[in-house]
C-alpha cells in the first residue's frame, strides 16, 4: 500500500467534509486513498482548509478540512497515491 499520511478524526455530514490529522505533508493536486472497515475510495485533493483558511499545502501535525466525495468515518486511514 502507499504511504500513510493521516487519519480521519471527524466528518461533517451536512457539508461532506472530512477532518484529517496529518502525519505527513499533503498538497492540493495530489491523489489520496481513504481506507477503513467500510470505506475505500480514491480522489484528488482539489482544496483543503486549516481553521477555515484555504491552503495549498499542509504539514505533519496539522488538521485539515477537505471536501470528500464519499462519507468517511473516524479512524479511517488516508494514504497518498
Protein backbone atom coordinates (compact mmCIF):
# COMPACT_ATOMS: atom_id res chain seq x y z
CA UNK A 1 0.00 0.00 0.00
CA UNK A 2 1.01 3.64 -0.42
CA UNK A 3 2.41 5.99 2.21
CA UNK A 4 0.03 6.66 5.11
CA UNK A 5 -0.35 10.41 5.55
CA UNK A 6 -3.10 10.72 8.13
CA UNK A 7 -6.29 9.65 9.81
CA UNK A 8 -9.87 10.93 9.75
CA UNK A 9 -10.86 12.48 13.08
CA UNK A 10 -14.31 13.86 12.17
CA UNK A 11 -16.88 14.02 9.36
CA UNK A 12 -19.42 16.78 8.80
CA UNK A 13 -22.34 15.00 7.13
CA UNK A 14 -24.13 18.22 6.14
CA UNK A 15 -21.02 19.63 4.42
CA UNK A 16 -19.46 16.42 3.09
CA UNK A 17 -16.19 17.48 4.72
CA UNK A 18 -13.71 15.23 6.48
CA UNK A 19 -11.20 16.41 9.08
CA UNK A 20 -7.84 14.70 8.66
CA UNK A 21 -5.00 14.75 11.19
CA UNK A 22 -1.84 14.66 9.06
CA UNK A 23 1.26 12.57 9.78
CA UNK A 24 2.99 13.71 6.56
CA UNK A 25 2.84 16.65 4.15
CA UNK A 26 -0.11 16.91 1.73
CA UNK A 27 -0.56 19.29 -1.21
CA UNK A 28 -3.51 20.30 -3.39
CA UNK A 29 -3.39 18.30 -6.62
CA UNK A 30 -2.15 15.08 -5.03
CA UNK A 31 -4.23 11.91 -5.09
CA UNK A 32 -5.28 10.17 -1.89
CA UNK A 33 -7.00 6.95 -0.87
CA UNK A 34 -9.27 6.77 2.17
CA UNK A 35 -9.50 3.27 3.65
CA UNK A 36 -11.44 1.93 6.60
CA UNK A 37 -13.63 -1.01 7.58
CA UNK A 38 -16.48 0.23 5.34
CA UNK A 39 -14.68 2.99 3.42
CA UNK A 40 -12.43 2.60 0.36
CA UNK A 41 -12.17 5.26 -2.35
CA UNK A 42 -9.65 7.45 -4.15
CA UNK A 43 -9.85 11.12 -5.04
CA UNK A 44 -7.76 14.11 -5.97
CA UNK A 45 -7.22 16.82 -3.36
CA UNK A 46 -8.90 19.82 -5.00
CA UNK A 47 -8.84 22.10 -1.96
CA UNK A 48 -8.20 21.99 1.78
CA UNK A 49 -8.59 24.33 4.71
CA UNK A 50 -6.94 24.92 8.05
CA UNK A 51 -9.13 26.89 10.50
CA UNK A 52 -11.39 27.95 7.60
CA UNK A 53 -8.44 29.40 5.62
CA UNK A 54 -7.79 27.78 2.25
CA UNK A 55 -4.26 26.41 1.92
CA UNK A 56 -2.22 24.83 -0.90
CA UNK A 57 -0.26 22.51 1.40
CA UNK A 58 -0.27 21.29 4.97
CA UNK A 59 2.43 19.76 7.14
CA UNK A 60 2.59 16.80 9.53
CA UNK A 61 0.79 17.59 12.79
CA UNK A 62 -1.82 19.85 11.19
CA UNK A 63 -5.52 19.09 10.91
CA UNK A 64 -7.15 19.89 7.59
CA UNK A 65 -10.72 20.07 6.42
CA UNK A 66 -11.32 18.59 2.98
CA UNK A 67 -14.38 18.00 0.81
CA UNK A 68 -14.70 14.25 0.26
CA UNK A 69 -16.75 12.55 -2.42
CA UNK A 70 -17.94 9.77 -0.10
CA UNK A 71 -18.75 9.51 3.58
CA UNK A 72 -15.70 8.96 5.78
CA UNK A 73 -15.58 7.74 9.37
CA UNK A 74 -13.42 8.46 12.38
CA UNK A 75 -10.37 6.20 12.29
CA UNK A 76 -10.32 5.81 8.50
CA UNK A 77 -6.73 5.94 7.26
CA UNK A 78 -5.60 8.28 4.49
CA UNK A 79 -2.84 7.32 2.04
CA UNK A 80 -1.01 9.31 -0.64
CA UNK A 81 -1.03 7.59 -4.04
